[in-house]
């Protein structure tokens, strides 16, 4: 089963949550917090989900994996 990876990015003056490879955003919101919350619920609903949250400049700020985590790091 392939992991569904969503990206939260800023486009124009709105934030969006978009599945990798999709042509349209799954979520659109006026604030980053709202877009992250809605996109997280989509990622959590998938058997294998992941969300990558980007900064305004496009760089990845953080990511969260749901379901079976592919990497285990020692903390």
Protein backbone atom coordinates (compact mmCIF):
# COMPACT_ATOMS: atom_id res chain seq x y z
CA UNK A 1 0.00 0.00 0.00
CA UNK A 2 1.36 3.40 -0.96
CA UNK A 3 1.53 6.28 1.52
CA UNK A 4 -0.65 9.34 0.80
CA UNK A 5 1.53 12.43 1.20
CA UNK A 6 -0.14 15.83 1.58
CA UNK A 7 1.69 19.15 1.37
CA UNK A 8 0.49 22.32 3.11
CA UNK A 9 1.74 25.32 1.14
CA UNK A 10 0.89 28.96 0.60
CA UNK A 11 -0.47 29.90 -2.83
CA UNK A 12 -1.37 33.50 -3.52
CA UNK A 13 -2.82 34.70 -0.20
CA UNK A 14 -4.32 31.39 0.92
CA UNK A 15 -3.00 28.17 2.39
CA UNK A 16 -3.75 24.83 0.76
CA UNK A 17 -3.41 21.15 1.48
CA UNK A 18 -2.69 19.13 -1.64
CA UNK A 19 -2.09 15.42 -2.22
CA UNK A 20 1.16 14.73 -4.06
CA UNK A 21 0.42 14.43 -7.76
CA UNK A 22 -3.07 15.94 -7.54
CA UNK A 23 -4.06 18.74 -9.88
CA UNK A 24 -6.30 20.48 -7.34
CA UNK A 25 -5.95 21.18 -3.64
CA UNK A 26 -7.96 19.02 -1.24
CA UNK A 27 -8.10 21.84 1.32
CA UNK A 28 -8.06 25.64 1.00
CA UNK A 29 -8.07 27.99 3.99
CA UNK A 30 -7.27 31.61 4.83
CA UNK A 31 -4.85 30.65 7.64
CA UNK A 32 -2.03 28.15 7.90
CA UNK A 33 -3.39 26.70 11.15
CA UNK A 34 -6.77 25.97 9.58
CA UNK A 35 -5.18 24.36 6.49
CA UNK A 36 -2.90 22.22 8.66
CA UNK A 37 -5.79 21.02 10.85
CA UNK A 38 -7.97 20.05 7.88
CA UNK A 39 -5.11 18.41 6.00
CA UNK A 40 -4.01 16.47 9.11
CA UNK A 41 -7.47 14.94 9.38
CA UNK A 42 -7.21 13.76 5.75
CA UNK A 43 -3.77 12.24 6.36
CA UNK A 44 -4.92 10.54 9.57
CA UNK A 45 -7.94 9.05 7.78
CA UNK A 46 -5.70 7.26 5.26
CA UNK A 47 -4.28 3.86 6.29
CA UNK A 48 -0.82 5.26 5.52
CA UNK A 49 -0.73 9.06 5.57
CA UNK A 50 1.81 11.83 5.84
CA UNK A 51 1.64 15.63 5.98
CA UNK A 52 4.51 17.94 5.09
CA UNK A 53 4.03 21.48 6.34
CA UNK A 54 5.93 24.12 4.39
CA UNK A 55 6.97 27.63 5.40
CA UNK A 56 5.91 30.64 3.31
CA UNK A 57 9.20 30.39 1.38
CA UNK A 58 8.38 26.80 0.34
CA UNK A 59 10.90 24.98 2.53
CA UNK A 60 9.63 22.10 4.65
CA UNK A 61 9.04 23.18 8.23
CA UNK A 62 7.91 19.84 9.68
CA UNK A 63 6.28 16.58 8.74
CA UNK A 64 4.07 14.06 10.47
CA UNK A 65 3.53 10.41 9.55
CA UNK A 66 0.39 8.45 10.40
CA UNK A 67 -0.07 4.71 10.24
CA UNK A 68 3.12 2.67 10.04
CA UNK A 69 6.13 4.97 10.31
CA UNK A 70 8.73 4.02 7.68
CA UNK A 71 11.73 5.35 9.68
CA UNK A 72 12.55 4.85 13.32
CA UNK A 73 15.07 7.27 14.75
CA UNK A 74 16.63 7.19 18.16
CA UNK A 75 15.67 10.28 20.08
